[in-house]
Amino acid sequence: MVDSTGIYFNPMLRHLDRGNREVDNGHYLQYEYVFGATAAAALYRRTMIEDIALEGEFFDTDFFAYREDADVAWRAQLMGWKCLYVPFARGYHVRKVLPRNRRALPPEINMHSVKNRFLMRIKNISGDLYWRNWLSITVRDFAVVACCLLREQTSLKAFWLLARSFKHTLLKRRMVQARRRVDNDYMASWFRYAPVTRQAPRKMIRTLSRSEAART
């Protein structure tokens, strides 16, 4: 069973794991660029860590739990870094946090999930990306807020925490946007309802394939 072959974002700003819960039948065997990697099975270059860190932090400690790897992926893309999916690099992950089992999760985790959804957006989204997808974003936001009000009141604390950290989050946003190295069209191209991938250069694929063959 596949856990993740890369993080992707849809126009509602939901981040999902490509291939999650699919049967591993060999259909993810291409070297491809993906939006980002789930932190359960990721290798990050030290130069990238140092380049995109904010206030000395790689993973944002304001997140506390959940979505911090998606935040890193978004920030890295803005700053011109790429994420390569390597099909023969395998890891094993027992995933407990899934959209379908939200009600079974501790209320604190669900609350931080709501908070971090908006923290990530405030830091990373551009006005252009927002306006391209404003209807999808608004529909999803309405659903999230309605769920908190009607079914998951324990998550309402998320909005108080957002308000308390708003000024500091805006400071982080300014730092991220000031170091942005890609254009609006490039970023918008990643936000689709179906997972987006890009073919890795053939020279890189040949090098990686020879390296893999030498280890086996």
N, C-alpha and C. Protein backbone atom coordinates (compact mmCIF):
# COMPACT_ATOMS: atom_id res chain seq x y z
N MET A 1 0.84 -1.19 0.00
CA MET A 1 0.00 0.00 0.00
C MET A 1 0.88 1.25 0.00
N VAL A 2 0.57 2.17 -0.88
CA VAL A 2 1.35 3.41 -0.99
C VAL A 2 0.92 4.38 0.10
N ASP A 3 1.90 5.01 0.74
CA ASP A 3 1.61 6.07 1.71
C ASP A 3 1.70 7.43 1.02
N SER A 4 2.82 7.71 0.38
CA SER A 4 2.99 8.98 -0.31
C SER A 4 4.08 8.88 -1.36
N THR A 5 3.82 9.46 -2.50
CA THR A 5 4.86 9.62 -3.52
C THR A 5 5.05 11.10 -3.81
N GLY A 6 4.80 11.91 -2.80
CA GLY A 6 4.98 13.34 -2.92
C GLY A 6 3.74 14.12 -2.50
N ILE A 7 3.96 15.31 -1.98
CA ILE A 7 2.88 16.21 -1.59
C ILE A 7 2.43 17.01 -2.82
N TYR A 8 1.11 17.17 -2.95
CA TYR A 8 0.60 18.11 -3.95
C TYR A 8 -0.50 18.97 -3.33
N PHE A 9 -0.72 20.14 -3.91
CA PHE A 9 -1.76 21.07 -3.46
C PHE A 9 -2.83 21.18 -4.52
N ASN A 10 -4.09 21.30 -4.06
CA ASN A 10 -5.16 21.56 -5.01
C ASN A 10 -5.61 23.02 -4.90
N PRO A 11 -6.51 23.49 -5.76
CA PRO A 11 -6.91 24.90 -5.74
C PRO A 11 -7.64 25.34 -4.47
N MET A 12 -8.08 24.40 -3.64
CA MET A 12 -8.67 24.74 -2.35
C MET A 12 -7.60 24.96 -1.28
N LEU A 13 -6.35 24.82 -1.66
CA LEU A 13 -5.19 24.90 -0.76
C LEU A 13 -5.11 23.71 0.18
N ARG A 14 -5.75 22.63 -0.18
CA ARG A 14 -5.55 21.37 0.56
C ARG A 14 -4.28 20.73 0.07
N HIS A 15 -3.46 20.26 0.99
CA HIS A 15 -2.29 19.49 0.56
C HIS A 15 -2.57 18.02 0.83
N LEU A 16 -2.26 17.20 -0.16
CA LEU A 16 -2.58 15.79 -0.14
C LEU A 16 -1.35 14.99 -0.52
N ASP A 17 -1.39 13.69 -0.24
CA ASP A 17 -0.28 12.81 -0.58
C ASP A 17 -0.61 12.04 -1.85
N ARG A 18 0.21 12.24 -2.85
CA ARG A 18 0.01 11.55 -4.14
C ARG A 18 0.10 10.05 -3.93
N GLY A 19 -0.92 9.35 -4.39
CA GLY A 19 -0.93 7.89 -4.31
C GLY A 19 -1.37 7.31 -2.99
N ASN A 20 -1.75 8.14 -2.03
CA ASN A 20 -2.09 7.63 -0.70
C ASN A 20 -3.19 6.59 -0.74
N ARG A 21 -2.93 5.48 -0.07
CA ARG A 21 -3.85 4.35 0.08
C ARG A 21 -4.08 3.59 -1.22
N GLU A 22 -3.27 3.84 -2.24
CA GLU A 22 -3.37 3.06 -3.47
C GLU A 22 -2.54 1.78 -3.35
N VAL A 23 -2.96 0.77 -4.07
CA VAL A 23 -2.19 -0.47 -4.11
C VAL A 23 -0.90 -0.23 -4.89
N ASP A 24 0.21 -0.68 -4.35
CA ASP A 24 1.50 -0.50 -4.99
C ASP A 24 1.64 -1.52 -6.13
N ASN A 25 1.23 -1.11 -7.32
CA ASN A 25 1.28 -2.03 -8.46
C ASN A 25 2.31 -1.58 -9.50
N GLY A 26 3.27 -0.76 -9.07
CA GLY A 26 4.35 -0.39 -9.95
C GLY A 26 4.08 0.78 -10.86
N HIS A 27 3.07 1.59 -10.55
CA HIS A 27 2.76 2.71 -11.45
C HIS A 27 3.37 4.02 -10.98
N TYR A 28 4.24 3.98 -9.98
CA TYR A 28 4.98 5.17 -9.55
C TYR A 28 6.48 4.89 -9.65
N LEU A 29 6.93 4.56 -10.85
CA LEU A 29 8.32 4.16 -11.05
C LEU A 29 9.13 5.18 -11.86
N GLN A 30 8.60 6.38 -12.02
CA GLN A 30 9.31 7.40 -12.78
C GLN A 30 10.00 8.39 -11.83
N TYR A 31 11.21 8.79 -12.21
CA TYR A 31 11.87 9.89 -11.50
C TYR A 31 11.15 11.17 -11.92
N GLU A 32 10.57 11.87 -10.96
CA GLU A 32 9.78 13.05 -11.28
C GLU A 32 9.99 14.14 -10.24
N TYR A 33 9.83 15.36 -10.68
CA TYR A 33 9.76 16.46 -9.73
C TYR A 33 8.33 16.55 -9.21
N VAL A 34 8.19 16.65 -7.90
CA VAL A 34 6.89 16.83 -7.26
C VAL A 34 6.94 18.13 -6.44
N PHE A 35 5.82 18.56 -5.94
CA PHE A 35 5.78 19.82 -5.20
C PHE A 35 6.62 19.74 -3.92
N GLY A 36 6.50 18.62 -3.21
CA GLY A 36 7.25 18.47 -1.98
C GLY A 36 7.21 17.05 -1.49
N ALA A 37 7.93 16.81 -0.40
CA ALA A 37 8.03 15.47 0.17
C ALA A 37 7.43 15.45 1.57
N THR A 38 6.70 14.39 1.87
CA THR A 38 6.26 14.21 3.25
C THR A 38 7.48 13.96 4.12
N ALA A 39 7.51 14.60 5.28
CA ALA A 39 8.71 14.55 6.11
C ALA A 39 8.98 13.16 6.69
N ALA A 40 8.02 12.25 6.57
CA ALA A 40 8.25 10.89 7.06
C ALA A 40 9.30 10.17 6.23
N ALA A 41 9.53 10.62 5.00
CA ALA A 41 10.51 9.96 4.12
C ALA A 41 11.11 10.99 3.18
N ALA A 42 11.86 11.91 3.75
CA ALA A 42 12.45 12.98 2.95
C ALA A 42 13.93 13.14 3.27
N LEU A 43 14.70 13.47 2.26
CA LEU A 43 16.09 13.88 2.44
C LEU A 43 16.20 15.33 1.97
N TYR A 44 16.67 16.19 2.84
CA TYR A 44 16.81 17.61 2.52
C TYR A 44 18.28 17.97 2.43
N ARG A 45 18.66 18.67 1.37
CA ARG A 45 20.04 19.15 1.27
C ARG A 45 20.30 20.21 2.33
N ARG A 46 21.47 20.14 2.94
CA ARG A 46 21.81 21.12 3.97
C ARG A 46 21.76 22.54 3.41
N THR A 47 22.22 22.71 2.17
CA THR A 47 22.20 24.05 1.58
C THR A 47 20.77 24.57 1.44
N MET A 48 19.83 23.67 1.15
CA MET A 48 18.44 24.09 1.06
C MET A 48 17.90 24.45 2.44
N ILE A 49 18.22 23.65 3.44
CA ILE A 49 17.77 23.93 4.81
C ILE A 49 18.24 25.31 5.24
N GLU A 50 19.51 25.58 5.00
CA GLU A 50 20.08 26.87 5.41
C GLU A 50 19.49 28.02 4.60
N ASP A 51 19.19 27.77 3.33
CA ASP A 51 18.69 28.82 2.46
C ASP A 51 17.28 29.24 2.81
N ILE A 52 16.41 28.30 3.14
CA ILE A 52 15.00 28.64 3.33
C ILE A 52 14.61 28.83 4.79
N ALA A 53 15.54 28.60 5.71
CA ALA A 53 15.24 28.76 7.14
C ALA A 53 14.82 30.19 7.43
N LEU A 54 13.86 30.33 8.34
CA LEU A 54 13.40 31.64 8.79
C LEU A 54 13.70 31.79 10.27
N GLU A 55 14.39 32.83 10.61
CA GLU A 55 14.74 33.08 12.02
C GLU A 55 15.45 31.86 12.62
N GLY A 56 16.27 31.20 11.79
CA GLY A 56 17.01 30.04 12.24
C GLY A 56 16.21 28.76 12.31
N GLU A 57 14.96 28.79 11.85
CA GLU A 57 14.10 27.60 11.91
C GLU A 57 13.82 27.06 10.51
N PHE A 58 13.95 25.75 10.36
CA PHE A 58 13.57 25.07 9.11
C PHE A 58 12.10 24.70 9.19
N PHE A 59 11.74 23.81 10.12
CA PHE A 59 10.33 23.56 10.42
C PHE A 59 9.85 24.65 11.37
N ASP A 60 8.76 25.28 11.03
CA ASP A 60 8.23 26.40 11.81
C ASP A 60 7.67 25.89 13.13
N THR A 61 8.25 26.32 14.24
CA THR A 61 7.79 25.84 15.54
C THR A 61 6.41 26.38 15.92
N ASP A 62 5.93 27.43 15.24
CA ASP A 62 4.57 27.89 15.49
C ASP A 62 3.53 26.86 15.06
N PHE A 63 3.93 25.94 14.20
CA PHE A 63 3.00 24.91 13.75
C PHE A 63 2.78 23.86 14.83
N PHE A 64 3.78 23.55 15.58
CA PHE A 64 3.77 22.56 16.66
C PHE A 64 3.59 21.14 16.12
N ALA A 65 2.53 20.89 15.41
CA ALA A 65 2.31 19.55 14.86
C ALA A 65 1.43 19.65 13.62
N TYR A 66 1.78 18.89 12.59
CA TYR A 66 0.97 18.73 11.39
C TYR A 66 1.11 19.91 10.43
N ARG A 67 1.33 19.59 9.17
CA ARG A 67 1.44 20.50 8.02
C ARG A 67 2.79 21.22 7.93
N GLU A 68 3.69 21.01 8.88
CA GLU A 68 4.96 21.74 8.80
C GLU A 68 5.79 21.32 7.60
N ASP A 69 5.66 20.07 7.14
CA ASP A 69 6.40 19.65 5.95
C ASP A 69 5.81 20.27 4.68
N ALA A 70 4.48 20.47 4.65
CA ALA A 70 3.85 21.13 3.51
C ALA A 70 4.26 22.60 3.46
N ASP A 71 4.38 23.21 4.63
CA ASP A 71 4.86 24.59 4.69
C ASP A 71 6.29 24.70 4.16
N VAL A 72 7.14 23.76 4.53
CA VAL A 72 8.51 23.73 4.02
C VAL A 72 8.51 23.55 2.50
N ALA A 73 7.67 22.66 2.00
CA ALA A 73 7.61 22.42 0.55
C ALA A 73 7.20 23.69 -0.20
N TRP A 74 6.21 24.39 0.30
CA TRP A 74 5.72 25.60 -0.36
C TRP A 74 6.81 26.68 -0.33
N ARG A 75 7.43 26.86 0.83
CA ARG A 75 8.49 27.86 0.97
C ARG A 75 9.66 27.54 0.06
N ALA A 76 10.03 26.27 -0.01
CA ALA A 76 11.15 25.86 -0.87
C ALA A 76 10.85 26.13 -2.33
N GLN A 77 9.62 25.83 -2.77
CA GLN A 77 9.24 26.11 -4.15
C GLN A 77 9.33 27.60 -4.45
N LEU A 78 8.85 28.43 -3.53
CA LEU A 78 8.92 29.88 -3.74
C LEU A 78 10.36 30.36 -3.90
N MET A 79 11.27 29.71 -3.19
CA MET A 79 12.66 30.14 -3.21
C MET A 79 13.49 29.40 -4.26
N GLY A 80 12.79 28.69 -5.17
CA GLY A 80 13.46 28.14 -6.34
C GLY A 80 14.01 26.74 -6.20
N TRP A 81 13.72 26.04 -5.10
CA TRP A 81 14.21 24.67 -4.92
C TRP A 81 13.22 23.69 -5.54
N LYS A 82 13.73 22.52 -5.91
CA LYS A 82 12.91 21.47 -6.49
C LYS A 82 12.97 20.22 -5.63
N CYS A 83 11.92 19.43 -5.70
CA CYS A 83 11.83 18.18 -4.95
C CYS A 83 11.74 17.01 -5.93
N LEU A 84 12.67 16.08 -5.82
CA LEU A 84 12.71 14.93 -6.73
C LEU A 84 12.15 13.69 -6.06
N TYR A 85 11.18 13.08 -6.70
CA TYR A 85 10.67 11.78 -6.25
C TYR A 85 11.54 10.69 -6.85
N VAL A 86 12.11 9.85 -5.98
CA VAL A 86 12.99 8.76 -6.40
C VAL A 86 12.25 7.44 -6.12
N PRO A 87 11.81 6.74 -7.16
CA PRO A 87 10.92 5.59 -6.96
C PRO A 87 11.52 4.42 -6.19
N PHE A 88 12.85 4.26 -6.24
CA PHE A 88 13.43 3.09 -5.59
C PHE A 88 13.94 3.39 -4.19
N ALA A 89 13.71 4.60 -3.70
CA ALA A 89 14.00 4.93 -2.30
C ALA A 89 12.73 4.66 -1.51
N ARG A 90 12.77 3.70 -0.62
CA ARG A 90 11.56 3.28 0.09
C ARG A 90 11.70 3.55 1.59
N GLY A 91 10.60 3.93 2.18
CA GLY A 91 10.53 4.07 3.63
C GLY A 91 9.19 3.52 4.08
N TYR A 92 9.08 3.23 5.35
CA TYR A 92 7.84 2.66 5.89
C TYR A 92 7.30 3.59 6.96
N HIS A 93 6.02 3.91 6.83
CA HIS A 93 5.41 4.92 7.69
C HIS A 93 4.03 4.44 8.13
N VAL A 94 3.80 4.40 9.43
CA VAL A 94 2.48 4.08 9.96
C VAL A 94 1.75 5.41 10.15
N ARG A 95 0.88 5.73 9.22
CA ARG A 95 0.21 7.03 9.23
C ARG A 95 -1.10 6.92 10.01
N LYS A 96 -1.26 7.82 10.99
CA LYS A 96 -2.48 7.84 11.79
C LYS A 96 -3.37 9.04 11.48
N VAL A 97 -2.76 10.12 10.99
CA VAL A 97 -3.52 11.35 10.72
C VAL A 97 -3.95 11.35 9.26
N LEU A 98 -5.23 11.11 9.04
CA LEU A 98 -5.82 11.09 7.70
C LEU A 98 -7.14 11.85 7.73
N PRO A 99 -7.51 12.52 6.63
CA PRO A 99 -8.79 13.24 6.62
C PRO A 99 -9.97 12.36 6.99
N ARG A 100 -9.92 11.11 6.59
CA ARG A 100 -11.07 10.23 6.80
C ARG A 100 -11.22 9.77 8.25
N ASN A 101 -10.17 9.92 9.08
CA ASN A 101 -10.32 9.49 10.47
C ASN A 101 -10.19 10.65 11.45
N ARG A 102 -10.56 11.84 10.98
CA ARG A 102 -10.41 13.05 11.78
C ARG A 102 -11.11 12.94 13.12
N ARG A 103 -12.30 12.36 13.15
CA ARG A 103 -13.06 12.29 14.40
C ARG A 103 -12.39 11.42 15.45
N ALA A 104 -11.52 10.53 15.02
CA ALA A 104 -10.85 9.63 15.95
C ALA A 104 -9.57 10.24 16.52
N LEU A 105 -9.16 11.41 16.01
CA LEU A 105 -7.91 12.03 16.43
C LEU A 105 -8.12 12.88 17.67
N PRO A 106 -7.06 13.10 18.44
CA PRO A 106 -7.18 13.98 19.62
C PRO A 106 -7.61 15.37 19.20
N PRO A 107 -8.49 16.02 19.97
CA PRO A 107 -8.94 17.38 19.63
C PRO A 107 -7.80 18.37 19.45
N GLU A 108 -6.73 18.22 20.22
CA GLU A 108 -5.60 19.15 20.11
C GLU A 108 -4.95 19.08 18.73
N ILE A 109 -4.83 17.86 18.19
CA ILE A 109 -4.26 17.70 16.86
C ILE A 109 -5.14 18.35 15.80
N ASN A 110 -6.44 18.14 15.90
CA ASN A 110 -7.37 18.74 14.94
C ASN A 110 -7.33 20.26 15.02
N MET A 111 -7.21 20.79 16.23
CA MET A 111 -7.15 22.25 16.40
C MET A 111 -5.90 22.82 15.73
N HIS A 112 -4.75 22.17 15.94
CA HIS A 112 -3.52 22.64 15.31
C HIS A 112 -3.59 22.48 13.79
N SER A 113 -4.28 21.48 13.31
CA SER A 113 -4.46 21.30 11.87
C SER A 113 -5.18 22.50 11.26
N VAL A 114 -6.24 22.96 11.92
CA VAL A 114 -6.96 24.14 11.45
C VAL A 114 -6.06 25.37 11.51
N LYS A 115 -5.40 25.57 12.63
CA LYS A 115 -4.51 26.73 12.78
C LYS A 115 -3.43 26.75 11.71
N ASN A 116 -2.80 25.61 11.51
CA ASN A 116 -1.67 25.55 10.60
C ASN A 116 -2.09 25.72 9.15
N ARG A 117 -3.30 25.34 8.84
CA ARG A 117 -3.81 25.55 7.48
C ARG A 117 -3.75 27.03 7.11
N PHE A 118 -4.16 27.88 8.05
CA PHE A 118 -4.17 29.32 7.78
C PHE A 118 -2.79 29.94 7.98
N LEU A 119 -2.01 29.46 8.93
CA LEU A 119 -0.64 29.95 9.09
C LEU A 119 0.16 29.76 7.81
N MET A 120 0.05 28.57 7.23
CA MET A 120 0.79 28.25 6.02
C MET A 120 0.40 29.19 4.88
N ARG A 121 -0.88 29.47 4.77
CA ARG A 121 -1.36 30.34 3.70
C ARG A 121 -0.87 31.78 3.89
N ILE A 122 -1.01 32.29 5.11
CA ILE A 122 -0.61 33.68 5.37
C ILE A 122 0.86 33.88 5.00
N LYS A 123 1.69 32.90 5.32
CA LYS A 123 3.12 33.02 5.06
C LYS A 123 3.46 32.94 3.57
N ASN A 124 2.77 32.10 2.84
CA ASN A 124 3.28 31.69 1.53
C ASN A 124 2.48 32.13 0.31
N ILE A 125 1.19 32.34 0.44
CA ILE A 125 0.39 32.57 -0.76
C ILE A 125 0.61 33.98 -1.31
N SER A 126 0.60 34.11 -2.62
CA SER A 126 0.68 35.41 -3.27
C SER A 126 -0.73 35.88 -3.60
N GLY A 127 -0.87 37.18 -3.82
CA GLY A 127 -2.17 37.70 -4.23
C GLY A 127 -2.62 37.10 -5.54
N ASP A 128 -1.68 36.87 -6.46
CA ASP A 128 -2.02 36.29 -7.75
C ASP A 128 -2.60 34.88 -7.59
N LEU A 129 -1.95 34.05 -6.79
CA LEU A 129 -2.44 32.69 -6.61
C LEU A 129 -3.80 32.68 -5.93
N TYR A 130 -3.97 33.59 -4.98
CA TYR A 130 -5.28 33.67 -4.32
C TYR A 130 -6.38 34.02 -5.31
N TRP A 131 -6.16 35.05 -6.12
CA TRP A 131 -7.22 35.48 -7.03
C TRP A 131 -7.50 34.46 -8.13
N ARG A 132 -6.51 33.69 -8.52
CA ARG A 132 -6.75 32.64 -9.51
C ARG A 132 -7.68 31.55 -8.97
N ASN A 133 -7.65 31.37 -7.65
CA ASN A 133 -8.38 30.24 -7.05
C ASN A 133 -9.33 30.70 -5.94
N TRP A 134 -9.74 31.96 -5.97
CA TRP A 134 -10.47 32.51 -4.83
C TRP A 134 -11.78 31.77 -4.56
N LEU A 135 -12.47 31.33 -5.58
CA LEU A 135 -13.75 30.65 -5.35
C LEU A 135 -13.54 29.32 -4.65
N SER A 136 -12.60 28.52 -5.14
CA SER A 136 -12.31 27.23 -4.51
C SER A 136 -11.83 27.42 -3.07
N ILE A 137 -10.98 28.42 -2.86
CA ILE A 137 -10.46 28.69 -1.52
C ILE A 137 -11.60 29.10 -0.58
N THR A 138 -12.49 29.98 -1.06
CA THR A 138 -13.59 30.47 -0.23
C THR A 138 -14.54 29.35 0.15
N VAL A 139 -14.85 28.48 -0.81
CA VAL A 139 -15.74 27.35 -0.52
C VAL A 139 -15.15 26.46 0.57
N ARG A 140 -13.85 26.17 0.45
CA ARG A 140 -13.20 25.32 1.45
C ARG A 140 -13.13 26.02 2.80
N ASP A 141 -12.81 27.31 2.80
CA ASP A 141 -12.75 28.05 4.06
C ASP A 141 -14.10 28.06 4.76
N PHE A 142 -15.16 28.26 3.99
CA PHE A 142 -16.50 28.25 4.57
C PHE A 142 -16.79 26.90 5.22
N ALA A 143 -16.40 25.82 4.54
CA ALA A 143 -16.63 24.48 5.10
C ALA A 143 -15.83 24.27 6.38
N VAL A 144 -14.58 24.74 6.41
CA VAL A 144 -13.74 24.57 7.61
C VAL A 144 -14.33 25.34 8.79
N VAL A 145 -14.70 26.61 8.57
CA VAL A 145 -15.25 27.42 9.65
C VAL A 145 -16.59 26.86 10.12
N ALA A 146 -17.44 26.44 9.19
CA ALA A 146 -18.74 25.86 9.57
C ALA A 146 -18.56 24.60 10.39
N CYS A 147 -17.60 23.77 10.01
CA CYS A 147 -17.33 22.55 10.77
C CYS A 147 -16.90 22.88 12.20
N CYS A 148 -16.05 23.89 12.34
CA CYS A 148 -15.60 24.28 13.68
C CYS A 148 -16.76 24.80 14.53
N LEU A 149 -17.64 25.57 13.91
CA LEU A 149 -18.76 26.14 14.64
C LEU A 149 -19.82 25.11 15.02
N LEU A 150 -20.07 24.17 14.12
CA LEU A 150 -21.20 23.26 14.31
C LEU A 150 -20.83 21.89 14.86
N ARG A 151 -19.62 21.41 14.57
CA ARG A 151 -19.28 20.03 14.94
C ARG A 151 -18.00 19.88 15.73
N GLU A 152 -17.10 20.81 15.61
CA GLU A 152 -15.78 20.63 16.22
C GLU A 152 -15.38 21.92 16.95
N GLN A 153 -16.16 22.26 17.96
CA GLN A 153 -15.93 23.51 18.68
C GLN A 153 -14.57 23.55 19.36
N THR A 154 -13.97 22.40 19.62
CA THR A 154 -12.64 22.38 20.24
C THR A 154 -11.58 22.99 19.34
N SER A 155 -11.89 23.10 18.05
CA SER A 155 -10.93 23.69 17.11
C SER A 155 -11.07 25.20 16.98
N LEU A 156 -12.06 25.79 17.63
CA LEU A 156 -12.23 27.24 17.55
C LEU A 156 -11.05 27.97 18.16
N LYS A 157 -10.35 27.33 19.09
CA LYS A 157 -9.16 27.93 19.69
C LYS A 157 -8.12 28.28 18.62
N ALA A 158 -8.16 27.59 17.48
CA ALA A 158 -7.20 27.84 16.41
C ALA A 158 -7.24 29.29 15.96
N PHE A 159 -8.42 29.89 15.91
CA PHE A 159 -8.55 31.25 15.41
C PHE A 159 -8.01 32.27 16.43
N TRP A 160 -8.14 31.94 17.71
CA TRP A 160 -7.55 32.80 18.75
C TRP A 160 -6.03 32.75 18.65
N LEU A 161 -5.47 31.55 18.45
CA LEU A 161 -4.01 31.43 18.30
C LEU A 161 -3.52 32.15 17.04
N LEU A 162 -4.30 32.08 15.97
CA LEU A 162 -3.94 32.80 14.76
C LEU A 162 -3.89 34.31 15.00
N ALA A 163 -4.90 34.81 15.69
CA ALA A 163 -4.95 36.24 15.97
C ALA A 163 -3.77 36.66 16.85
N ARG A 164 -3.43 35.82 17.82
CA ARG A 164 -2.34 36.16 18.74
C ARG A 164 -0.99 36.21 18.03
N SER A 165 -0.81 35.37 17.01
CA SER A 165 0.48 35.29 16.32
C SER A 165 0.48 36.02 14.98
N PHE A 166 -0.58 36.79 14.70
CA PHE A 166 -0.76 37.35 13.37
C PHE A 166 0.39 38.28 12.97
N LYS A 167 0.79 39.18 13.86
CA LYS A 167 1.86 40.13 13.52
C LYS A 167 3.17 39.41 13.23
N HIS A 168 3.48 38.40 14.04
CA HIS A 168 4.72 37.65 13.82
C HIS A 168 4.65 36.86 12.52
N THR A 169 3.47 36.32 12.21
CA THR A 169 3.31 35.57 10.97
C THR A 169 3.45 36.49 9.76
N LEU A 170 2.96 37.71 9.86
CA LEU A 170 3.14 38.68 8.77
C LEU A 170 4.61 39.01 8.57
N LEU A 171 5.37 39.07 9.65
CA LEU A 171 6.81 39.30 9.53
C LEU A 171 7.46 38.16 8.76
N LYS A 172 7.07 36.92 9.07
CA LYS A 172 7.60 35.77 8.35
C LYS A 172 7.19 35.83 6.88
N ARG A 173 5.97 36.26 6.63
CA ARG A 173 5.51 36.39 5.25
C ARG A 173 6.40 37.35 4.48
N ARG A 174 6.71 38.48 5.07
CA ARG A 174 7.55 39.46 4.39
C ARG A 174 8.93 38.87 4.08
N MET A 175 9.46 38.07 5.00
CA MET A 175 10.76 37.45 4.76
C MET A 175 10.68 36.44 3.62
N VAL A 176 9.62 35.64 3.60
CA VAL A 176 9.45 34.64 2.54
C VAL A 176 9.31 35.32 1.19
N GLN A 177 8.41 36.29 1.10
CA GLN A 177 8.14 36.92 -0.19
C GLN A 177 9.33 37.73 -0.69
N ALA A 178 10.12 38.28 0.22
CA ALA A 178 11.30 39.04 -0.19
C ALA A 178 12.35 38.15 -0.82
N ARG A 179 12.34 36.84 -0.49
CA ARG A 179 13.34 35.91 -1.00
C ARG A 179 12.79 35.03 -2.11
N ARG A 180 11.64 35.37 -2.61
CA ARG A 180 11.00 34.60 -3.67
C ARG A 180 11.81 34.70 -4.96
N ARG A 181 11.94 33.56 -5.68
CA ARG A 181 12.75 33.52 -6.89
C ARG A 181 11.99 32.98 -8.10
N VAL A 182 10.72 32.68 -7.97
CA VAL A 182 9.94 32.12 -9.08
C VAL A 182 8.77 33.04 -9.39
N ASP A 183 8.21 32.90 -10.60
CA ASP A 183 7.12 33.80 -10.98
C ASP A 183 5.75 33.21 -10.65
N ASN A 184 4.72 34.02 -10.86
CA ASN A 184 3.36 33.62 -10.49
C ASN A 184 2.87 32.43 -11.30
N ASP A 185 3.17 32.40 -12.59
CA ASP A 185 2.69 31.31 -13.44
C ASP A 185 3.28 29.97 -12.99
N TYR A 186 4.55 29.98 -12.61
CA TYR A 186 5.19 28.75 -12.15
C TYR A 186 4.47 28.22 -10.91
N MET A 187 4.24 29.10 -9.93
CA MET A 187 3.60 28.64 -8.69
C MET A 187 2.17 28.17 -8.96
N ALA A 188 1.44 28.93 -9.77
CA ALA A 188 0.05 28.56 -10.04
C ALA A 188 -0.06 27.21 -10.74
N SER A 189 0.97 26.84 -11.51
CA SER A 189 0.92 25.59 -12.27
C SER A 189 0.89 24.36 -11.37
N TRP A 190 1.29 24.50 -10.12
CA TRP A 190 1.32 23.36 -9.20
C TRP A 190 -0.03 23.10 -8.53
N PHE A 191 -0.92 24.09 -8.53
CA PHE A 191 -2.17 23.98 -7.77
C PHE A 191 -3.28 23.49 -8.69
N ARG A 192 -3.43 22.17 -8.75
CA ARG A 192 -4.41 21.53 -9.61
C ARG A 192 -5.12 20.43 -8.81
N TYR A 193 -6.29 20.03 -9.28
CA TYR A 193 -7.03 18.98 -8.57
C TYR A 193 -6.39 17.61 -8.75
N ALA A 194 -5.68 17.41 -9.85
CA ALA A 194 -4.93 16.17 -10.04
C ALA A 194 -3.47 16.45 -9.73
N PRO A 195 -2.75 15.48 -9.18
CA PRO A 195 -1.34 15.71 -8.85
C PRO A 195 -0.53 16.16 -10.05
N VAL A 196 0.31 17.16 -9.84
CA VAL A 196 1.17 17.68 -10.89
C VAL A 196 2.59 17.16 -10.68
N THR A 197 3.21 16.66 -11.73
CA THR A 197 4.61 16.25 -11.69
C THR A 197 5.31 16.79 -12.92
N ARG A 198 6.63 16.82 -12.86
CA ARG A 198 7.43 17.24 -14.00
C ARG A 198 8.56 16.24 -14.18
N GLN A 199 8.82 15.91 -15.42
CA GLN A 199 9.86 14.92 -15.72
C GLN A 199 11.23 15.43 -15.30
N ALA A 200 11.98 14.59 -14.62
CA ALA A 200 13.35 14.93 -14.26
C ALA A 200 14.23 14.88 -15.50
N PRO A 201 15.31 15.67 -15.57
CA PRO A 201 16.21 15.63 -16.73
C PRO A 201 16.78 14.24 -16.95
N ARG A 202 16.92 13.85 -18.21
CA ARG A 202 17.40 12.49 -18.53
C ARG A 202 18.78 12.23 -17.97
N LYS A 203 19.64 13.25 -18.00
CA LYS A 203 20.99 13.08 -17.47
C LYS A 203 20.95 12.73 -15.99
N MET A 204 20.07 13.38 -15.24
CA MET A 204 19.92 13.08 -13.82
C MET A 204 19.39 11.67 -13.62
N ILE A 205 18.42 11.27 -14.44
CA ILE A 205 17.84 9.93 -14.31
C ILE A 205 18.90 8.87 -14.55
N ARG A 206 19.73 9.06 -15.59
CA ARG A 206 20.78 8.07 -15.88
C ARG A 206 21.76 7.98 -14.72
N THR A 207 22.14 9.10 -14.15
CA THR A 207 23.07 9.10 -13.02
C THR A 207 22.49 8.39 -11.82
N LEU A 208 21.23 8.68 -11.51
CA LEU A 208 20.57 8.05 -10.37
C LEU A 208 20.38 6.56 -10.60
N SER A 209 20.05 6.18 -11.83
CA SER A 209 19.84 4.77 -12.15
C SER A 209 21.14 3.98 -12.00
N ARG A 210 22.27 4.55 -12.46
CA ARG A 210 23.56 3.87 -12.29
C ARG A 210 23.93 3.75 -10.82
N SER A 211 23.63 4.78 -10.05
CA SER A 211 23.92 4.74 -8.62
C SER A 211 23.09 3.67 -7.93
N GLU A 212 21.83 3.55 -8.32
CA GLU A 212 20.95 2.54 -7.74
C GLU A 212 21.44 1.14 -8.12
N ALA A 213 21.85 0.95 -9.38
CA ALA A 213 22.32 -0.36 -9.82
C ALA A 213 23.60 -0.77 -9.09
N ALA A 214 24.45 0.21 -8.78
CA ALA A 214 25.71 -0.09 -8.10
C ALA A 214 25.48 -0.55 -6.66
N ARG A 215 24.38 -0.14 -6.06
CA ARG A 215 24.10 -0.52 -4.67
C ARG A 215 23.43 -1.87 -4.56
N THR A 216 22.86 -2.37 -5.67
CA THR A 216 22.10 -3.62 -5.61
C THR A 216 22.93 -4.80 -6.09
